[in-house]
Amino acid sequence: MNRKLKTRAKRGASRPAIAQQNLREVTEFDPNGIEVTHHRTVDTLGLMLRAGTITPAMHDAARDFQAAFTIACFDCMPRSNLMLMARPAPGKYRPADFTDTQIAARERVAKALDALGGHGSPAGSCVWHVVGMQTSIREWALRQGWSGRPVRQESAQGILLAALGVLMKHYGIRETDPR
């Protein structure tokens, strides 16, 4: 590793904010020795699992929600009306629009959000944005607010932890590591 890469590695390691961003720069050398920079997304749930902030069961529950969210095609929606998540209003539904698998996934997401208190609750909103849309906790905390004030990042992480505990119970996942 040359001096330039060591400096970048030290700089990146000393800044904890880089872990909260959606993208991370990774600089490598290709086989011809040319420096190449790749942009990779940061896996918030994976980072939290490795840090010991969440348990493997919470991670599994989050991944189950994330899988249903992706199958339901919510992750590619620029805007969404959360009131019509499971099925569109009568008369607006065309059978060719969604497959049965997508509709079932939308219903699973709707049931999970209901267990979290609805999409307007702090837990429902946090899981929708952080787990489903894969935004960082920091970004959700800055964007989400009550009474015109943003949520502190520590509070946002606590909201996510509580929500993952509820999701774990909702999906019937048991903790295998007794504490």
C-alpha atoms as a PDB file:
ATOM      1  CA  MET A   1       0.000   0.000   0.000  1.00  0.00           C
ATOM      2  CA  ASN A   2       1.508   3.302  -0.971  1.00  0.00           C
ATOM      3  CA  ARG A   3       1.651   6.439   1.141  1.00  0.00           C
ATOM      4  CA  LYS A   4      -1.366   8.065  -0.514  1.00  0.00           C
ATOM      5  CA  LEU A   5      -3.630   5.073   0.196  1.00  0.00           C
ATOM      6  CA  LYS A   6      -2.391   4.809   3.786  1.00  0.00           C
ATOM      7  CA  THR A   7      -3.266   8.471   4.333  1.00  0.00           C
ATOM      8  CA  ARG A   8      -6.734   7.961   2.849  1.00  0.00           C
ATOM      9  CA  ALA A   9      -7.263   4.834   4.938  1.00  0.00           C
ATOM     10  CA  LYS A  10      -6.261   6.663   8.130  1.00  0.00           C
ATOM     11  CA  ARG A  11      -8.454   9.633   7.255  1.00  0.00           C
ATOM     12  CA  GLY A  12     -11.449   7.384   6.512  1.00  0.00           C
ATOM     13  CA  ALA A  13     -10.972   5.314   9.648  1.00  0.00           C
ATOM     14  CA  SER A  14     -10.753   8.348  11.901  1.00  0.00           C
ATOM     15  CA  ARG A  15     -14.025   9.821  10.629  1.00  0.00           C
ATOM     16  CA  PRO A  16     -17.030   7.922  12.019  1.00  0.00           C
ATOM     17  CA  ALA A  17     -19.359  10.016   9.839  1.00  0.00           C
ATOM     18  CA  ILE A  18     -18.233   8.104   6.739  1.00  0.00           C
ATOM     19  CA  ALA A  19     -20.084   5.038   8.054  1.00  0.00           C
ATOM     20  CA  GLN A  20     -23.316   7.028   8.159  1.00  0.00           C
ATOM     21  CA  GLN A  21     -23.209   7.982   4.487  1.00  0.00           C
ATOM     22  CA  ASN A  22     -24.894   5.987   1.754  1.00  0.00           C
ATOM     23  CA  LEU A  23     -21.758   5.781  -0.372  1.00  0.00           C
ATOM     24  CA  ARG A  24     -18.200   4.875   0.520  1.00  0.00           C
ATOM     25  CA  GLU A  25     -15.199   5.489  -1.701  1.00  0.00           C
ATOM     26  CA  VAL A  26     -12.875   2.525  -2.105  1.00  0.00           C
ATOM     27  CA  THR A  27      -9.602   3.134  -3.907  1.00  0.00           C
ATOM     28  CA  GLU A  28      -7.776   0.149  -5.393  1.00  0.00           C
ATOM     29  CA  PHE A  29      -5.236  -0.604  -8.059  1.00  0.00           C
ATOM     30  CA  ASP A  30      -6.215  -2.591 -11.131  1.00  0.00           C
ATOM     31  CA  PRO A  31      -3.897  -5.322 -12.549  1.00  0.00           C
ATOM     32  CA  ASN A  32      -2.080  -2.711 -14.658  1.00  0.00           C
ATOM     33  CA  GLY A  33      -1.235  -0.628 -11.586  1.00  0.00           C
ATOM     34  CA  ILE A  34      -3.709   2.173 -12.346  1.00  0.00           C
ATOM     35  CA  GLU A  35      -5.513   3.682  -9.348  1.00  0.00           C
ATOM     36  CA  VAL A  36      -9.272   3.118  -9.548  1.00  0.00           C
ATOM     37  CA  THR A  37     -11.938   4.562  -7.238  1.00  0.00           C
ATOM     38  CA  HIS A  38     -15.173   2.640  -6.728  1.00  0.00           C
ATOM     39  CA  HIS A  39     -18.282   3.889  -4.953  1.00  0.00           C
ATOM     40  CA  ARG A  40     -19.976   1.295  -2.787  1.00  0.00           C
ATOM     41  CA  THR A  41     -23.126   1.603  -0.742  1.00  0.00           C
ATOM     42  CA  VAL A  42     -22.833   1.242   2.993  1.00  0.00           C
ATOM     43  CA  ASP A  43     -24.887  -1.502   4.621  1.00  0.00           C
ATOM     44  CA  THR A  44     -26.228   0.133   7.791  1.00  0.00           C
ATOM     45  CA  LEU A  45     -27.655  -3.124   9.148  1.00  0.00           C
ATOM     46  CA  GLY A  46     -24.419  -4.998   8.462  1.00  0.00           C
ATOM     47  CA  LEU A  47     -22.398  -2.313  10.232  1.00  0.00           C
ATOM     48  CA  MET A  48     -24.737  -2.419  13.220  1.00  0.00           C
ATOM     49  CA  LEU A  49     -24.515  -6.225  13.378  1.00  0.00           C
ATOM     50  CA  ARG A  50     -20.700  -6.190  13.236  1.00  0.00           C
ATOM     51  CA  ALA A  51     -20.582  -3.487  15.913  1.00  0.00           C
ATOM     52  CA  GLY A  52     -22.852  -5.548  18.181  1.00  0.00           C
ATOM     53  CA  THR A  53     -25.551  -2.858  18.233  1.00  0.00           C
ATOM     54  CA  ILE A  54     -28.189  -5.285  16.952  1.00  0.00           C
ATOM     55  CA  THR A  55     -28.516  -9.015  17.460  1.00  0.00           C
ATOM     56  CA  PRO A  56     -28.480 -11.574  14.642  1.00  0.00           C
ATOM     57  CA  ALA A  57     -32.232 -12.104  15.156  1.00  0.00           C
ATOM     58  CA  MET A  58     -32.890  -8.372  14.720  1.00  0.00           C
ATOM     59  CA  HIS A  59     -30.729  -8.446  11.598  1.00  0.00           C
ATOM     60  CA  ASP A  60     -32.730 -11.378  10.224  1.00  0.00           C
ATOM     61  CA  ALA A  61     -36.022  -9.585  10.903  1.00  0.00           C
ATOM     62  CA  ALA A  62     -34.733  -6.477   9.129  1.00  0.00           C
ATOM     63  CA  ARG A  63     -33.610  -8.547   6.144  1.00  0.00           C
ATOM     64  CA  ASP A  64     -37.038 -10.223   5.969  1.00  0.00           C
ATOM     65  CA  PHE A  65     -38.699  -6.798   5.872  1.00  0.00           C
ATOM     66  CA  GLN A  66     -36.160  -5.594   3.316  1.00  0.00           C
ATOM     67  CA  ALA A  67     -36.806  -8.606   1.072  1.00  0.00           C
ATOM     68  CA  ALA A  68     -40.586  -8.075   1.160  1.00  0.00           C
ATOM     69  CA  PHE A  69     -40.028  -4.355   0.525  1.00  0.00           C
ATOM     70  CA  THR A  70     -37.908  -5.094  -2.556  1.00  0.00           C
ATOM     71  CA  ILE A  71     -40.276  -7.754  -3.917  1.00  0.00           C
ATOM     72  CA  ALA A  72     -43.174  -5.315  -3.466  1.00  0.00           C
ATOM     73  CA  CYS A  73     -41.240  -2.832  -5.652  1.00  0.00           C
ATOM     74  CA  PHE A  74     -41.405  -0.082  -3.042  1.00  0.00           C
ATOM     75  CA  ASP A  75     -37.668   0.549  -3.323  1.00  0.00           C
ATOM     76  CA  CYS A  76     -37.960   1.877  -6.866  1.00  0.00           C
ATOM     77  CA  MET A  77     -40.897   4.210  -6.221  1.00  0.00           C
ATOM     78  CA  PRO A  78     -40.023   7.905  -6.374  1.00  0.00           C
ATOM     79  CA  ARG A  79     -43.075   8.820  -4.278  1.00  0.00           C
ATOM     80  CA  SER A  80     -45.640   6.595  -2.728  1.00  0.00           C
ATOM     81  CA  ASN A  81     -49.027   6.900  -1.139  1.00  0.00           C
ATOM     82  CA  LEU A  82     -48.615   4.697   1.912  1.00  0.00           C
ATOM     83  CA  MET A  83     -52.375   4.474   2.406  1.00  0.00           C
ATOM     84  CA  LEU A  84     -52.670   2.356  -0.750  1.00  0.00           C
ATOM     85  CA  MET A  85     -49.759   0.010  -0.095  1.00  0.00           C
ATOM     86  CA  ALA A  86     -51.469  -3.372  -0.229  1.00  0.00           C
ATOM     87  CA  ARG A  87     -53.814  -2.720  -3.149  1.00  0.00           C
ATOM     88  CA  PRO A  88     -54.792   0.329  -5.179  1.00  0.00           C
ATOM     89  CA  ALA A  89     -58.260   1.856  -4.831  1.00  0.00           C
ATOM     90  CA  PRO A  90     -61.135  -0.030  -6.504  1.00  0.00           C
ATOM     91  CA  GLY A  91     -61.387   0.730 -10.187  1.00  0.00           C
ATOM     92  CA  LYS A  92     -57.708   1.722 -10.435  1.00  0.00           C
ATOM     93  CA  TYR A  93     -56.285  -1.772 -10.160  1.00  0.00           C
ATOM     94  CA  ARG A  94     -55.225  -3.474 -13.347  1.00  0.00           C
ATOM     95  CA  PRO A  95     -54.238  -7.140 -12.975  1.00  0.00           C
ATOM     96  CA  ALA A  96     -51.290  -6.662 -15.313  1.00  0.00           C
ATOM     97  CA  ASP A  97     -49.720  -4.039 -13.026  1.00  0.00           C
ATOM     98  CA  PHE A  98     -48.605  -6.339 -10.198  1.00  0.00           C
ATOM     99  CA  THR A  99     -47.941 -10.033  -9.851  1.00  0.00           C
ATOM    100  CA  ASP A 100     -49.485 -12.080  -7.051  1.00  0.00           C
ATOM    101  CA  THR A 101     -46.052 -12.243  -5.425  1.00  0.00           C
ATOM    102  CA  GLN A 102     -45.765  -8.454  -5.424  1.00  0.00           C
ATOM    103  CA  ILE A 103     -49.241  -8.033  -3.957  1.00  0.00           C
ATOM    104  CA  ALA A 104     -48.477 -10.592  -1.244  1.00  0.00           C
ATOM    105  CA  ALA A 105     -45.216  -8.775  -0.467  1.00  0.00           C
ATOM    106  CA  ARG A 106     -47.072  -5.452  -0.241  1.00  0.00           C
ATOM    107  CA  GLU A 107     -49.493  -7.016   2.207  1.00  0.00           C
ATOM    108  CA  ARG A 108     -46.571  -8.376   4.288  1.00  0.00           C
ATOM    109  CA  VAL A 109     -45.014  -4.897   4.380  1.00  0.00           C
ATOM    110  CA  ALA A 110     -48.369  -3.351   5.353  1.00  0.00           C
ATOM    111  CA  LYS A 111     -48.836  -5.877   8.184  1.00  0.00           C
ATOM    112  CA  ALA A 112     -45.306  -5.266   9.457  1.00  0.00           C
ATOM    113  CA  LEU A 113     -45.883  -1.503   9.431  1.00  0.00           C
ATOM    114  CA  ASP A 114     -49.179  -1.996  11.277  1.00  0.00           C
ATOM    115  CA  ALA A 115     -47.285  -3.968  13.943  1.00  0.00           C
ATOM    116  CA  LEU A 116     -44.879  -1.010  14.243  1.00  0.00           C
ATOM    117  CA  GLY A 117     -47.709   1.460  14.774  1.00  0.00           C
ATOM    118  CA  GLY A 118     -48.366   2.488  11.194  1.00  0.00           C
ATOM    119  CA  HIS A 119     -46.361   4.389   8.637  1.00  0.00           C
ATOM    120  CA  GLY A 120     -46.800   7.671  10.506  1.00  0.00           C
ATOM    121  CA  SER A 121     -45.264   6.358  13.725  1.00  0.00           C
ATOM    122  CA  PRO A 122     -41.575   6.890  14.469  1.00  0.00           C
ATOM    123  CA  ALA A 123     -40.854   3.143  14.290  1.00  0.00           C
ATOM    124  CA  GLY A 124     -42.791   2.647  11.048  1.00  0.00           C
ATOM    125  CA  SER A 125     -41.178   5.636   9.400  1.00  0.00           C
ATOM    126  CA  CYS A 126     -37.700   4.615  10.538  1.00  0.00           C
ATOM    127  CA  VAL A 127     -38.040   1.045   9.261  1.00  0.00           C
ATOM    128  CA  TRP A 128     -39.552   2.265   5.974  1.00  0.00           C
ATOM    129  CA  HIS A 129     -36.684   4.643   5.276  1.00  0.00           C
ATOM    130  CA  VAL A 130     -33.666   2.975   6.918  1.00  0.00           C
ATOM    131  CA  VAL A 131     -34.424  -0.700   6.299  1.00  0.00           C
ATOM    132  CA  GLY A 132     -36.648  -0.476   3.225  1.00  0.00           C
ATOM    133  CA  MET A 133     -35.306   2.517   1.294  1.00  0.00           C
ATOM    134  CA  GLN A 134     -31.789   1.915   2.732  1.00  0.00           C
ATOM    135  CA  THR A 135     -31.097   5.498   3.730  1.00  0.00           C
ATOM    136  CA  SER A 136     -28.702   6.073   6.611  1.00  0.00           C
ATOM    137  CA  ILE A 137     -29.949   6.569  10.145  1.00  0.00           C
ATOM    138  CA  ARG A 138     -28.392  10.025  10.106  1.00  0.00           C
ATOM    139  CA  GLU A 139     -30.242  11.028   6.949  1.00  0.00           C
ATOM    140  CA  TRP A 140     -33.572   9.777   8.320  1.00  0.00           C
ATOM    141  CA  ALA A 141     -32.977  11.563  11.631  1.00  0.00           C
ATOM    142  CA  LEU A 142     -32.279  14.866   9.883  1.00  0.00           C
ATOM    143  CA  ARG A 143     -35.267  14.544   7.561  1.00  0.00           C
ATOM    144  CA  GLN A 144     -37.752  13.237  10.120  1.00  0.00           C
ATOM    145  CA  GLY A 145     -38.810  15.640  12.832  1.00  0.00           C
ATOM    146  CA  TRP A 146     -41.502  16.430  15.340  1.00  0.00           C
ATOM    147  CA  SER A 147     -42.550  19.971  16.233  1.00  0.00           C
ATOM    148  CA  GLY A 148     -40.168  21.347  13.624  1.00  0.00           C
ATOM    149  CA  ARG A 149     -37.053  19.853  15.232  1.00  0.00           C
ATOM    150  CA  PRO A 150     -34.904  17.047  13.810  1.00  0.00           C
ATOM    151  CA  VAL A 151     -34.460  13.823  15.744  1.00  0.00           C
ATOM    152  CA  ARG A 152     -31.051  13.346  17.344  1.00  0.00           C
ATOM    153  CA  GLN A 153     -29.026  10.555  15.808  1.00  0.00           C
ATOM    154  CA  GLU A 154     -28.810   8.653  19.103  1.00  0.00           C
ATOM    155  CA  SER A 155     -32.591   8.795  19.455  1.00  0.00           C
ATOM    156  CA  ALA A 156     -33.012   7.647  15.860  1.00  0.00           C
ATOM    157  CA  GLN A 157     -30.785   4.652  16.514  1.00  0.00           C
ATOM    158  CA  GLY A 158     -32.865   3.826  19.609  1.00  0.00           C
ATOM    159  CA  ILE A 159     -36.050   4.063  17.534  1.00  0.00           C
ATOM    160  CA  LEU A 160     -34.550   1.649  14.987  1.00  0.00           C
ATOM    161  CA  LEU A 161     -33.479  -0.804  17.712  1.00  0.00           C
ATOM    162  CA  ALA A 162     -36.956  -0.810  19.262  1.00  0.00           C
ATOM    163  CA  ALA A 163     -38.569  -1.204  15.836  1.00  0.00           C
ATOM    164  CA  LEU A 164     -36.315  -4.153  14.985  1.00  0.00           C
ATOM    165  CA  GLY A 165     -37.291  -5.783  18.283  1.00  0.00           C
ATOM    166  CA  VAL A 166     -40.964  -5.439  17.351  1.00  0.00           C
ATOM    167  CA  LEU A 167     -40.278  -6.763  13.833  1.00  0.00           C
ATOM    168  CA  MET A 168     -38.466  -9.723  15.324  1.00  0.00           C
ATOM    169  CA  LYS A 169     -41.548 -10.550  17.404  1.00  0.00           C
ATOM    170  CA  HIS A 170     -43.887  -9.903  14.441  1.00  0.00           C
ATOM    171  CA  TYR A 171     -41.991 -12.352  12.208  1.00  0.00           C
ATOM    172  CA  GLY A 172     -41.709 -14.935  14.995  1.00  0.00           C
ATOM    173  CA  ILE A 173     -37.914 -14.901  15.042  1.00  0.00           C
ATOM    174  CA  ARG A 174     -36.448 -15.994  18.343  1.00  0.00           C
ATOM    175  CA  GLU A 175     -33.180 -14.882  19.836  1.00  0.00           C
ATOM    176  CA  THR A 176     -30.714 -17.790  19.677  1.00  0.00           C
ATOM    177  CA  ASP A 177     -27.984 -16.006  21.665  1.00  0.00           C
ATOM    178  CA  PRO A 178     -29.127 -15.752  25.302  1.00  0.00           C
ATOM    179  CA  ARG A 179     -27.726 -12.684  27.025  1.00  0.00           C
END
